[in-house]
Amino acid sequence: MTFFSCSLWEKYGILKGDLGIIFSNFIGIIITTHVIFVYYKNSRDLKPKVEKSFTIIILALISILTYVKLNRGITSYNVLGFICVISSLLMLVSPLKILKEVVKTRENSHLSIQFILISFISSSLWTLYGYFINDKFIIIPNGLGCLLAAIQALIYKIYSKEYNLPHNTIQMTPFHLKN
């Protein structure tokens, strides 16, 4: 989904003539292509599923980009922007399945606080960027991404188990704190 989203945002950036969008999504395309290749290469049992998913993504990209190419103008720009918003939202809501599991099991080991923080920072920066260039297609999904990352962080905190030493454990105090 990230490859799909970056590819669409790449075309959006090209239509808009925005080098920031173009450059960052080009890097995203390179990274996700590498991840897909490594995953495909190392997943023997899931190769047919990866092939099917990638084929669907490529066909969808070809269809959308052909539409944009054939229908130049503000309408195709708005359609592409709307599709970019939808693809970003699909990518951003994917952790909700994991959140459901965390709430059900009351255990947060399925969540990565590093990923949550990176998602929050990334979405925040893109929201600010969208605000500065006055682009609702960037503001909407990334603003929701900030909200979703904040909710994930809250759930992570709620279901984190605090580490307490057992009562019969001797606690070591550094030498310089004893005096």
N, C-alpha and C. Protein backbone atom coordinates (compact mmCIF):
# COMPACT_ATOMS: atom_id res chain seq x y z
N MET A 1 0.83 -1.19 0.00
CA MET A 1 0.00 0.00 0.00
C MET A 1 0.87 1.25 0.00
N THR A 2 2.00 1.18 0.67
CA THR A 2 2.90 2.34 0.71
C THR A 2 3.47 2.62 -0.67
N PHE A 3 3.83 1.57 -1.40
CA PHE A 3 4.32 1.74 -2.77
C PHE A 3 3.25 2.42 -3.62
N PHE A 4 2.02 1.94 -3.52
CA PHE A 4 0.89 2.49 -4.27
C PHE A 4 0.70 3.97 -3.93
N SER A 5 0.67 4.26 -2.65
CA SER A 5 0.45 5.63 -2.19
C SER A 5 1.58 6.56 -2.65
N CYS A 6 2.81 6.12 -2.47
CA CYS A 6 3.96 6.96 -2.90
C CYS A 6 3.92 7.20 -4.41
N SER A 7 3.53 6.20 -5.17
CA SER A 7 3.47 6.35 -6.63
C SER A 7 2.42 7.39 -7.03
N LEU A 8 1.27 7.33 -6.36
CA LEU A 8 0.23 8.32 -6.65
C LEU A 8 0.66 9.72 -6.24
N TRP A 9 1.24 9.83 -5.05
CA TRP A 9 1.71 11.15 -4.58
C TRP A 9 2.83 11.68 -5.46
N GLU A 10 3.61 10.79 -6.02
CA GLU A 10 4.67 11.20 -6.95
C GLU A 10 4.05 11.91 -8.15
N LYS A 11 3.03 11.30 -8.74
CA LYS A 11 2.35 11.92 -9.88
C LYS A 11 1.67 13.22 -9.47
N TYR A 12 1.09 13.25 -8.29
CA TYR A 12 0.46 14.47 -7.77
C TYR A 12 1.50 15.59 -7.66
N GLY A 13 2.67 15.25 -7.11
CA GLY A 13 3.74 16.23 -7.00
C GLY A 13 4.22 16.73 -8.35
N ILE A 14 4.27 15.83 -9.34
CA ILE A 14 4.67 16.21 -10.70
C ILE A 14 3.64 17.16 -11.30
N LEU A 15 2.36 16.83 -11.16
CA LEU A 15 1.30 17.72 -11.67
C LEU A 15 1.35 19.09 -10.99
N LYS A 16 1.63 19.08 -9.71
CA LYS A 16 1.66 20.33 -8.94
C LYS A 16 2.97 21.08 -9.15
N GLY A 17 4.01 20.37 -9.60
CA GLY A 17 5.32 20.99 -9.75
C GLY A 17 6.01 21.25 -8.42
N ASP A 18 5.75 20.37 -7.44
CA ASP A 18 6.29 20.54 -6.09
C ASP A 18 7.45 19.56 -5.86
N LEU A 19 8.65 20.11 -5.83
CA LEU A 19 9.84 19.26 -5.69
C LEU A 19 9.89 18.51 -4.36
N GLY A 20 9.33 19.08 -3.29
CA GLY A 20 9.31 18.40 -1.99
C GLY A 20 8.50 17.12 -2.06
N ILE A 21 7.33 17.20 -2.68
CA ILE A 21 6.48 16.02 -2.82
C ILE A 21 7.14 15.02 -3.76
N ILE A 22 7.70 15.52 -4.85
CA ILE A 22 8.35 14.64 -5.84
C ILE A 22 9.52 13.89 -5.21
N PHE A 23 10.42 14.62 -4.56
CA PHE A 23 11.63 14.00 -4.01
C PHE A 23 11.29 12.99 -2.91
N SER A 24 10.45 13.37 -1.95
CA SER A 24 10.17 12.48 -0.82
C SER A 24 9.44 11.21 -1.28
N ASN A 25 8.55 11.33 -2.23
CA ASN A 25 7.83 10.14 -2.69
C ASN A 25 8.68 9.29 -3.62
N PHE A 26 9.62 9.89 -4.32
CA PHE A 26 10.56 9.11 -5.12
C PHE A 26 11.40 8.22 -4.20
N ILE A 27 11.86 8.79 -3.09
CA ILE A 27 12.61 8.01 -2.09
C ILE A 27 11.70 6.90 -1.53
N GLY A 28 10.43 7.23 -1.26
CA GLY A 28 9.48 6.23 -0.77
C GLY A 28 9.28 5.09 -1.76
N ILE A 29 9.22 5.42 -3.04
CA ILE A 29 9.07 4.39 -4.07
C ILE A 29 10.28 3.47 -4.09
N ILE A 30 11.47 4.04 -4.01
CA ILE A 30 12.70 3.24 -4.00
C ILE A 30 12.74 2.31 -2.79
N ILE A 31 12.45 2.86 -1.61
CA ILE A 31 12.50 2.06 -0.38
C ILE A 31 11.46 0.95 -0.41
N THR A 32 10.22 1.28 -0.78
CA THR A 32 9.18 0.25 -0.77
C THR A 32 9.40 -0.80 -1.85
N THR A 33 9.97 -0.40 -2.98
CA THR A 33 10.31 -1.39 -4.01
C THR A 33 11.33 -2.37 -3.46
N HIS A 34 12.32 -1.86 -2.76
CA HIS A 34 13.34 -2.72 -2.15
C HIS A 34 12.70 -3.66 -1.12
N VAL A 35 11.83 -3.13 -0.26
CA VAL A 35 11.17 -3.95 0.76
C VAL A 35 10.33 -5.03 0.11
N ILE A 36 9.58 -4.68 -0.92
CA ILE A 36 8.75 -5.67 -1.62
C ILE A 36 9.64 -6.76 -2.23
N PHE A 37 10.75 -6.36 -2.85
CA PHE A 37 11.66 -7.33 -3.45
C PHE A 37 12.24 -8.27 -2.40
N VAL A 38 12.71 -7.73 -1.29
CA VAL A 38 13.30 -8.56 -0.22
C VAL A 38 12.24 -9.50 0.36
N TYR A 39 11.05 -8.96 0.59
CA TYR A 39 9.96 -9.78 1.13
C TYR A 39 9.61 -10.90 0.15
N TYR A 40 9.51 -10.57 -1.13
CA TYR A 40 9.19 -11.56 -2.15
C TYR A 40 10.26 -12.63 -2.23
N LYS A 41 11.48 -12.20 -2.20
CA LYS A 41 12.61 -13.12 -2.32
C LYS A 41 12.67 -14.10 -1.14
N ASN A 42 12.29 -13.65 0.04
CA ASN A 42 12.44 -14.46 1.24
C ASN A 42 11.16 -15.12 1.73
N SER A 43 10.06 -14.93 1.05
CA SER A 43 8.81 -15.55 1.51
C SER A 43 8.36 -16.61 0.51
N ARG A 44 8.76 -17.81 0.75
CA ARG A 44 8.46 -18.90 -0.16
C ARG A 44 6.95 -19.17 -0.23
N ASP A 45 6.30 -19.26 0.90
CA ASP A 45 4.89 -19.63 0.94
C ASP A 45 3.97 -18.52 0.45
N LEU A 46 4.42 -17.28 0.56
CA LEU A 46 3.54 -16.15 0.23
C LEU A 46 3.81 -15.54 -1.14
N LYS A 47 4.69 -16.13 -1.93
CA LYS A 47 5.01 -15.57 -3.25
C LYS A 47 3.78 -15.36 -4.12
N PRO A 48 2.86 -16.33 -4.20
CA PRO A 48 1.66 -16.08 -5.03
C PRO A 48 0.83 -14.90 -4.53
N LYS A 49 0.73 -14.75 -3.22
CA LYS A 49 -0.03 -13.63 -2.65
C LYS A 49 0.65 -12.30 -2.96
N VAL A 50 1.98 -12.26 -2.85
CA VAL A 50 2.73 -11.04 -3.17
C VAL A 50 2.57 -10.71 -4.65
N GLU A 51 2.68 -11.72 -5.52
CA GLU A 51 2.51 -11.51 -6.96
C GLU A 51 1.12 -10.97 -7.28
N LYS A 52 0.10 -11.54 -6.68
CA LYS A 52 -1.27 -11.11 -6.92
C LYS A 52 -1.46 -9.66 -6.44
N SER A 53 -1.01 -9.35 -5.23
CA SER A 53 -1.15 -8.00 -4.68
C SER A 53 -0.42 -6.98 -5.53
N PHE A 54 0.80 -7.31 -5.92
CA PHE A 54 1.59 -6.37 -6.72
C PHE A 54 0.97 -6.17 -8.10
N THR A 55 0.43 -7.24 -8.69
CA THR A 55 -0.23 -7.12 -9.99
C THR A 55 -1.45 -6.20 -9.89
N ILE A 56 -2.24 -6.36 -8.84
CA ILE A 56 -3.41 -5.51 -8.63
C ILE A 56 -2.99 -4.05 -8.47
N ILE A 57 -1.94 -3.82 -7.70
CA ILE A 57 -1.44 -2.45 -7.47
C ILE A 57 -0.97 -1.84 -8.79
N ILE A 58 -0.21 -2.59 -9.57
CA ILE A 58 0.30 -2.06 -10.84
C ILE A 58 -0.86 -1.76 -11.80
N LEU A 59 -1.84 -2.65 -11.88
CA LEU A 59 -2.99 -2.41 -12.76
C LEU A 59 -3.79 -1.19 -12.30
N ALA A 60 -3.97 -1.04 -11.00
CA ALA A 60 -4.68 0.13 -10.47
C ALA A 60 -3.90 1.41 -10.79
N LEU A 61 -2.58 1.37 -10.61
CA LEU A 61 -1.75 2.54 -10.93
C LEU A 61 -1.84 2.90 -12.41
N ILE A 62 -1.75 1.89 -13.26
CA ILE A 62 -1.84 2.15 -14.70
C ILE A 62 -3.19 2.78 -15.04
N SER A 63 -4.26 2.25 -14.47
CA SER A 63 -5.61 2.80 -14.73
C SER A 63 -5.72 4.25 -14.27
N ILE A 64 -5.30 4.52 -13.05
CA ILE A 64 -5.42 5.87 -12.49
C ILE A 64 -4.55 6.85 -13.26
N LEU A 65 -3.30 6.46 -13.51
CA LEU A 65 -2.38 7.37 -14.19
C LEU A 65 -2.79 7.59 -15.65
N THR A 66 -3.38 6.59 -16.28
CA THR A 66 -3.90 6.76 -17.65
C THR A 66 -5.06 7.75 -17.64
N TYR A 67 -5.95 7.63 -16.67
CA TYR A 67 -7.06 8.56 -16.55
C TYR A 67 -6.53 9.99 -16.41
N VAL A 68 -5.56 10.17 -15.53
CA VAL A 68 -5.00 11.50 -15.30
C VAL A 68 -4.35 12.03 -16.57
N LYS A 69 -3.64 11.18 -17.28
CA LYS A 69 -2.97 11.59 -18.52
C LYS A 69 -3.97 12.00 -19.59
N LEU A 70 -5.06 11.25 -19.72
CA LEU A 70 -6.05 11.52 -20.76
C LEU A 70 -7.00 12.67 -20.42
N ASN A 71 -7.14 12.99 -19.15
CA ASN A 71 -8.07 14.03 -18.71
C ASN A 71 -7.32 15.14 -17.98
N ARG A 72 -6.50 15.83 -18.68
CA ARG A 72 -5.73 16.90 -18.07
C ARG A 72 -6.66 18.00 -17.58
N GLY A 73 -6.18 18.73 -16.61
CA GLY A 73 -6.95 19.86 -16.10
C GLY A 73 -7.28 19.71 -14.64
N ILE A 74 -8.06 20.63 -14.14
CA ILE A 74 -8.37 20.69 -12.72
C ILE A 74 -9.16 19.48 -12.25
N THR A 75 -10.01 18.92 -13.10
CA THR A 75 -10.79 17.75 -12.70
C THR A 75 -9.89 16.56 -12.44
N SER A 76 -8.96 16.27 -13.34
CA SER A 76 -8.07 15.12 -13.13
C SER A 76 -7.14 15.37 -11.94
N TYR A 77 -6.74 16.62 -11.75
CA TYR A 77 -5.91 16.99 -10.60
C TYR A 77 -6.68 16.71 -9.31
N ASN A 78 -7.95 17.11 -9.25
CA ASN A 78 -8.77 16.88 -8.06
C ASN A 78 -9.07 15.40 -7.85
N VAL A 79 -9.32 14.68 -8.95
CA VAL A 79 -9.55 13.24 -8.83
C VAL A 79 -8.30 12.56 -8.29
N LEU A 80 -7.14 12.90 -8.82
CA LEU A 80 -5.90 12.31 -8.33
C LEU A 80 -5.67 12.68 -6.87
N GLY A 81 -5.91 13.93 -6.50
CA GLY A 81 -5.76 14.35 -5.11
C GLY A 81 -6.67 13.54 -4.19
N PHE A 82 -7.91 13.34 -4.60
CA PHE A 82 -8.86 12.56 -3.81
C PHE A 82 -8.39 11.12 -3.68
N ILE A 83 -7.92 10.52 -4.77
CA ILE A 83 -7.42 9.14 -4.72
C ILE A 83 -6.18 9.05 -3.82
N CYS A 84 -5.33 10.08 -3.87
CA CYS A 84 -4.16 10.12 -2.98
C CYS A 84 -4.58 10.15 -1.52
N VAL A 85 -5.61 10.93 -1.21
CA VAL A 85 -6.13 10.98 0.16
C VAL A 85 -6.62 9.60 0.59
N ILE A 86 -7.40 8.95 -0.27
CA ILE A 86 -7.93 7.61 0.05
C ILE A 86 -6.79 6.62 0.26
N SER A 87 -5.78 6.63 -0.63
CA SER A 87 -4.67 5.68 -0.49
C SER A 87 -3.88 5.95 0.79
N SER A 88 -3.70 7.21 1.14
CA SER A 88 -3.00 7.54 2.38
C SER A 88 -3.79 7.08 3.60
N LEU A 89 -5.10 7.29 3.56
CA LEU A 89 -5.93 6.87 4.68
C LEU A 89 -5.91 5.35 4.84
N LEU A 90 -5.95 4.62 3.73
CA LEU A 90 -5.87 3.16 3.81
C LEU A 90 -4.55 2.72 4.44
N MET A 91 -3.49 3.41 4.09
CA MET A 91 -2.19 3.09 4.65
C MET A 91 -2.13 3.45 6.14
N LEU A 92 -2.72 4.59 6.50
CA LEU A 92 -2.65 5.07 7.88
C LEU A 92 -3.56 4.30 8.84
N VAL A 93 -4.66 3.74 8.34
CA VAL A 93 -5.56 3.02 9.23
C VAL A 93 -5.20 1.54 9.37
N SER A 94 -4.20 1.09 8.64
CA SER A 94 -3.83 -0.33 8.73
C SER A 94 -3.46 -0.77 10.15
N PRO A 95 -2.87 0.10 11.00
CA PRO A 95 -2.58 -0.34 12.38
C PRO A 95 -3.81 -0.55 13.25
N LEU A 96 -5.00 -0.15 12.79
CA LEU A 96 -6.20 -0.33 13.62
C LEU A 96 -6.48 -1.80 13.92
N LYS A 97 -6.12 -2.68 13.01
CA LYS A 97 -6.29 -4.12 13.25
C LYS A 97 -5.43 -4.55 14.43
N ILE A 98 -4.22 -4.03 14.48
CA ILE A 98 -3.31 -4.36 15.59
C ILE A 98 -3.85 -3.76 16.89
N LEU A 99 -4.39 -2.54 16.83
CA LEU A 99 -4.95 -1.90 18.03
C LEU A 99 -6.09 -2.73 18.60
N LYS A 100 -6.90 -3.30 17.73
CA LYS A 100 -8.01 -4.15 18.17
C LYS A 100 -7.45 -5.34 18.97
N GLU A 101 -6.38 -5.92 18.47
CA GLU A 101 -5.76 -7.06 19.14
C GLU A 101 -5.17 -6.63 20.49
N VAL A 102 -4.54 -5.45 20.54
CA VAL A 102 -3.95 -4.95 21.78
C VAL A 102 -5.04 -4.74 22.84
N VAL A 103 -6.14 -4.13 22.45
CA VAL A 103 -7.23 -3.90 23.39
C VAL A 103 -7.84 -5.23 23.85
N LYS A 104 -7.97 -6.15 22.92
CA LYS A 104 -8.56 -7.46 23.24
C LYS A 104 -7.68 -8.23 24.23
N THR A 105 -6.36 -8.24 23.99
CA THR A 105 -5.45 -9.00 24.85
C THR A 105 -4.91 -8.20 26.03
N ARG A 106 -5.15 -6.88 26.02
CA ARG A 106 -4.65 -5.97 27.06
C ARG A 106 -3.13 -6.06 27.19
N GLU A 107 -2.47 -6.16 26.04
CA GLU A 107 -1.02 -6.31 26.03
C GLU A 107 -0.48 -5.63 24.77
N ASN A 108 0.53 -4.77 24.93
CA ASN A 108 0.97 -3.92 23.83
C ASN A 108 2.20 -4.40 23.07
N SER A 109 2.58 -5.64 23.21
CA SER A 109 3.82 -6.10 22.55
C SER A 109 3.72 -6.08 21.02
N HIS A 110 2.51 -5.99 20.48
CA HIS A 110 2.33 -5.94 19.02
C HIS A 110 2.57 -4.53 18.46
N LEU A 111 2.66 -3.55 19.34
CA LEU A 111 2.87 -2.17 18.90
C LEU A 111 4.34 -1.80 19.03
N SER A 112 4.79 -0.99 18.11
CA SER A 112 6.16 -0.46 18.16
C SER A 112 6.09 1.03 18.46
N ILE A 113 6.57 1.41 19.63
CA ILE A 113 6.52 2.83 20.00
C ILE A 113 7.38 3.66 19.04
N GLN A 114 8.45 3.08 18.51
CA GLN A 114 9.28 3.80 17.54
C GLN A 114 8.50 4.09 16.27
N PHE A 115 7.76 3.09 15.79
CA PHE A 115 6.94 3.28 14.59
C PHE A 115 5.84 4.31 14.83
N ILE A 116 5.23 4.25 16.01
CA ILE A 116 4.18 5.21 16.36
C ILE A 116 4.75 6.63 16.36
N LEU A 117 5.91 6.82 16.97
CA LEU A 117 6.52 8.15 17.02
C LEU A 117 6.92 8.64 15.63
N ILE A 118 7.48 7.77 14.83
CA ILE A 118 7.86 8.15 13.46
C ILE A 118 6.61 8.52 12.66
N SER A 119 5.54 7.75 12.82
CA SER A 119 4.28 8.06 12.12
C SER A 119 3.75 9.41 12.56
N PHE A 120 3.79 9.68 13.86
CA PHE A 120 3.29 10.96 14.37
C PHE A 120 4.12 12.13 13.83
N ILE A 121 5.44 11.99 13.89
CA ILE A 121 6.32 13.06 13.41
C ILE A 121 6.14 13.28 11.91
N SER A 122 6.12 12.19 11.15
CA SER A 122 5.96 12.29 9.71
C SER A 122 4.62 12.94 9.34
N SER A 123 3.55 12.46 9.95
CA SER A 123 2.23 13.03 9.67
C SER A 123 2.15 14.49 10.09
N SER A 124 2.77 14.81 11.21
CA SER A 124 2.78 16.21 11.68
C SER A 124 3.50 17.12 10.70
N LEU A 125 4.66 16.68 10.24
CA LEU A 125 5.43 17.50 9.29
C LEU A 125 4.68 17.68 7.97
N TRP A 126 4.07 16.59 7.48
CA TRP A 126 3.30 16.70 6.24
C TRP A 126 2.07 17.59 6.43
N THR A 127 1.44 17.51 7.60
CA THR A 127 0.29 18.38 7.87
C THR A 127 0.72 19.84 7.85
N LEU A 128 1.83 20.13 8.51
CA LEU A 128 2.36 21.51 8.50
C LEU A 128 2.70 21.96 7.08
N TYR A 129 3.33 21.08 6.33
CA TYR A 129 3.68 21.41 4.95
C TYR A 129 2.43 21.70 4.14
N GLY A 130 1.41 20.85 4.28
CA GLY A 130 0.14 21.06 3.59
C GLY A 130 -0.50 22.38 3.99
N TYR A 131 -0.39 22.71 5.26
CA TYR A 131 -0.94 23.98 5.73
C TYR A 131 -0.21 25.16 5.09
N PHE A 132 1.12 25.08 5.05
CA PHE A 132 1.92 26.19 4.49
C PHE A 132 1.68 26.39 3.00
N ILE A 133 1.44 25.30 2.28
CA ILE A 133 1.19 25.45 0.84
C ILE A 133 -0.31 25.45 0.54
N ASN A 134 -1.12 25.40 1.58
CA ASN A 134 -2.58 25.47 1.47
C ASN A 134 -3.13 24.36 0.56
N ASP A 135 -2.83 23.12 0.92
CA ASP A 135 -3.23 21.96 0.13
C ASP A 135 -4.02 20.99 1.00
N LYS A 136 -5.34 20.99 0.81
CA LYS A 136 -6.22 20.13 1.62
C LYS A 136 -5.96 18.65 1.38
N PHE A 137 -5.46 18.30 0.19
CA PHE A 137 -5.19 16.90 -0.10
C PHE A 137 -4.03 16.38 0.75
N ILE A 138 -3.16 17.24 1.18
CA ILE A 138 -2.05 16.84 2.06
C ILE A 138 -2.47 16.97 3.52
N ILE A 139 -3.22 18.00 3.84
CA ILE A 139 -3.62 18.25 5.24
C ILE A 139 -4.53 17.15 5.77
N ILE A 140 -5.56 16.79 5.02
CA ILE A 140 -6.59 15.86 5.52
C ILE A 140 -6.02 14.50 5.94
N PRO A 141 -5.33 13.76 5.07
CA PRO A 141 -4.89 12.43 5.50
C PRO A 141 -3.81 12.49 6.58
N ASN A 142 -2.95 13.50 6.48
CA ASN A 142 -1.87 13.57 7.46
C ASN A 142 -2.34 14.10 8.81
N GLY A 143 -3.34 14.97 8.80
CA GLY A 143 -3.95 15.39 10.06
C GLY A 143 -4.59 14.20 10.76
N LEU A 144 -5.30 13.37 9.98
CA LEU A 144 -5.88 12.14 10.55
C LEU A 144 -4.78 11.17 10.97
N GLY A 145 -3.67 11.16 10.24
CA GLY A 145 -2.53 10.32 10.62
C GLY A 145 -1.97 10.72 11.97
N CYS A 146 -1.90 12.03 12.23
CA CYS A 146 -1.46 12.53 13.55
C CYS A 146 -2.39 12.02 14.64
N LEU A 147 -3.68 12.15 14.39
CA LEU A 147 -4.68 11.72 15.36
C LEU A 147 -4.57 10.21 15.62
N LEU A 148 -4.46 9.42 14.56
CA LEU A 148 -4.33 7.96 14.72
C LEU A 148 -3.06 7.58 15.47
N ALA A 149 -1.95 8.26 15.18
CA ALA A 149 -0.70 7.97 15.90
C ALA A 149 -0.83 8.35 17.37
N ALA A 150 -1.51 9.45 17.66
CA ALA A 150 -1.72 9.85 19.06
C ALA A 150 -2.57 8.81 19.78
N ILE A 151 -3.60 8.31 19.11
CA ILE A 151 -4.45 7.27 19.71
C ILE A 151 -3.63 6.01 19.95
N GLN A 152 -2.78 5.64 18.99
CA GLN A 152 -1.92 4.46 19.17
C GLN A 152 -0.99 4.65 20.36
N ALA A 153 -0.42 5.84 20.49
CA ALA A 153 0.49 6.12 21.61
C ALA A 153 -0.26 6.01 22.94
N LEU A 154 -1.47 6.52 22.97
CA LEU A 154 -2.29 6.45 24.18
C LEU A 154 -2.60 5.00 24.53
N ILE A 155 -2.99 4.22 23.55
CA ILE A 155 -3.28 2.80 23.79
C ILE A 155 -2.01 2.06 24.21
N TYR A 156 -0.89 2.40 23.59
CA TYR A 156 0.40 1.81 23.99
C TYR A 156 0.66 2.08 25.46
N LYS A 157 0.45 3.32 25.89
CA LYS A 157 0.68 3.71 27.29
C LYS A 157 -0.30 3.01 28.22
N ILE A 158 -1.57 2.97 27.84
CA ILE A 158 -2.60 2.34 28.69
C ILE A 158 -2.27 0.87 28.95
N TYR A 159 -1.81 0.18 27.91
CA TYR A 159 -1.57 -1.26 28.04
C TYR A 159 -0.11 -1.62 28.26
N SER A 160 0.71 -0.65 28.61
CA SER A 160 2.11 -0.99 28.92
C SER A 160 2.17 -1.50 30.35
N LYS A 161 2.95 -2.51 30.55
CA LYS A 161 3.12 -3.09 31.87
C LYS A 161 4.34 -2.46 32.52
N GLU A 162 4.11 -1.85 33.65
CA GLU A 162 5.22 -1.22 34.36
C GLU A 162 6.08 -2.30 34.99
N TYR A 163 7.37 -2.07 34.93
CA TYR A 163 8.31 -3.03 35.48
C TYR A 163 8.55 -2.69 36.94
N ASN A 164 8.16 -3.57 37.83
CA ASN A 164 8.39 -3.40 39.26
C ASN A 164 9.24 -4.55 39.76
N LEU A 165 10.22 -4.22 40.60
CA LEU A 165 11.05 -5.26 41.19
C LEU A 165 10.25 -5.98 42.26
N PRO A 166 10.43 -7.28 42.38
CA PRO A 166 9.78 -8.00 43.48
C PRO A 166 10.26 -7.44 44.82
N HIS A 167 9.43 -7.58 45.84
CA HIS A 167 9.75 -7.00 47.15
C HIS A 167 10.99 -7.59 47.79
N ASN A 168 11.33 -8.81 47.51
CA ASN A 168 12.48 -9.45 48.15
C ASN A 168 13.77 -9.29 47.35
N THR A 169 13.80 -8.39 46.38
CA THR A 169 14.98 -8.19 45.55
C THR A 169 15.85 -7.09 46.15
N ILE A 170 17.14 -7.31 46.16
CA ILE A 170 18.08 -6.30 46.63
C ILE A 170 18.32 -5.33 45.49
N GLN A 171 18.14 -4.05 45.76
CA GLN A 171 18.38 -3.05 44.74
C GLN A 171 19.80 -2.52 44.87
N MET A 172 20.51 -2.49 43.78
CA MET A 172 21.88 -2.00 43.77
C MET A 172 21.87 -0.49 43.57
N THR A 173 22.60 0.21 44.41
CA THR A 173 22.71 1.67 44.30
C THR A 173 24.13 1.98 43.89
N PRO A 174 24.32 2.83 42.88
CA PRO A 174 25.68 3.19 42.50
C PRO A 174 26.43 3.79 43.69
N PHE A 175 27.74 3.55 43.74
CA PHE A 175 28.59 3.99 44.85
C PHE A 175 28.45 5.47 45.15
N HIS A 176 28.45 6.31 44.10
CA HIS A 176 28.41 7.76 44.32
C HIS A 176 27.08 8.24 44.91
N LEU A 177 26.02 7.41 44.86
CA LEU A 177 24.74 7.80 45.45
C LEU A 177 24.61 7.37 46.90
N LYS A 178 25.49 6.48 47.38
CA LYS A 178 25.44 6.01 48.77
C LYS A 178 25.91 7.09 49.74
N ASN A 179 26.82 7.92 49.32
CA ASN A 179 27.40 8.91 50.23
C ASN A 179 26.72 10.22 50.19
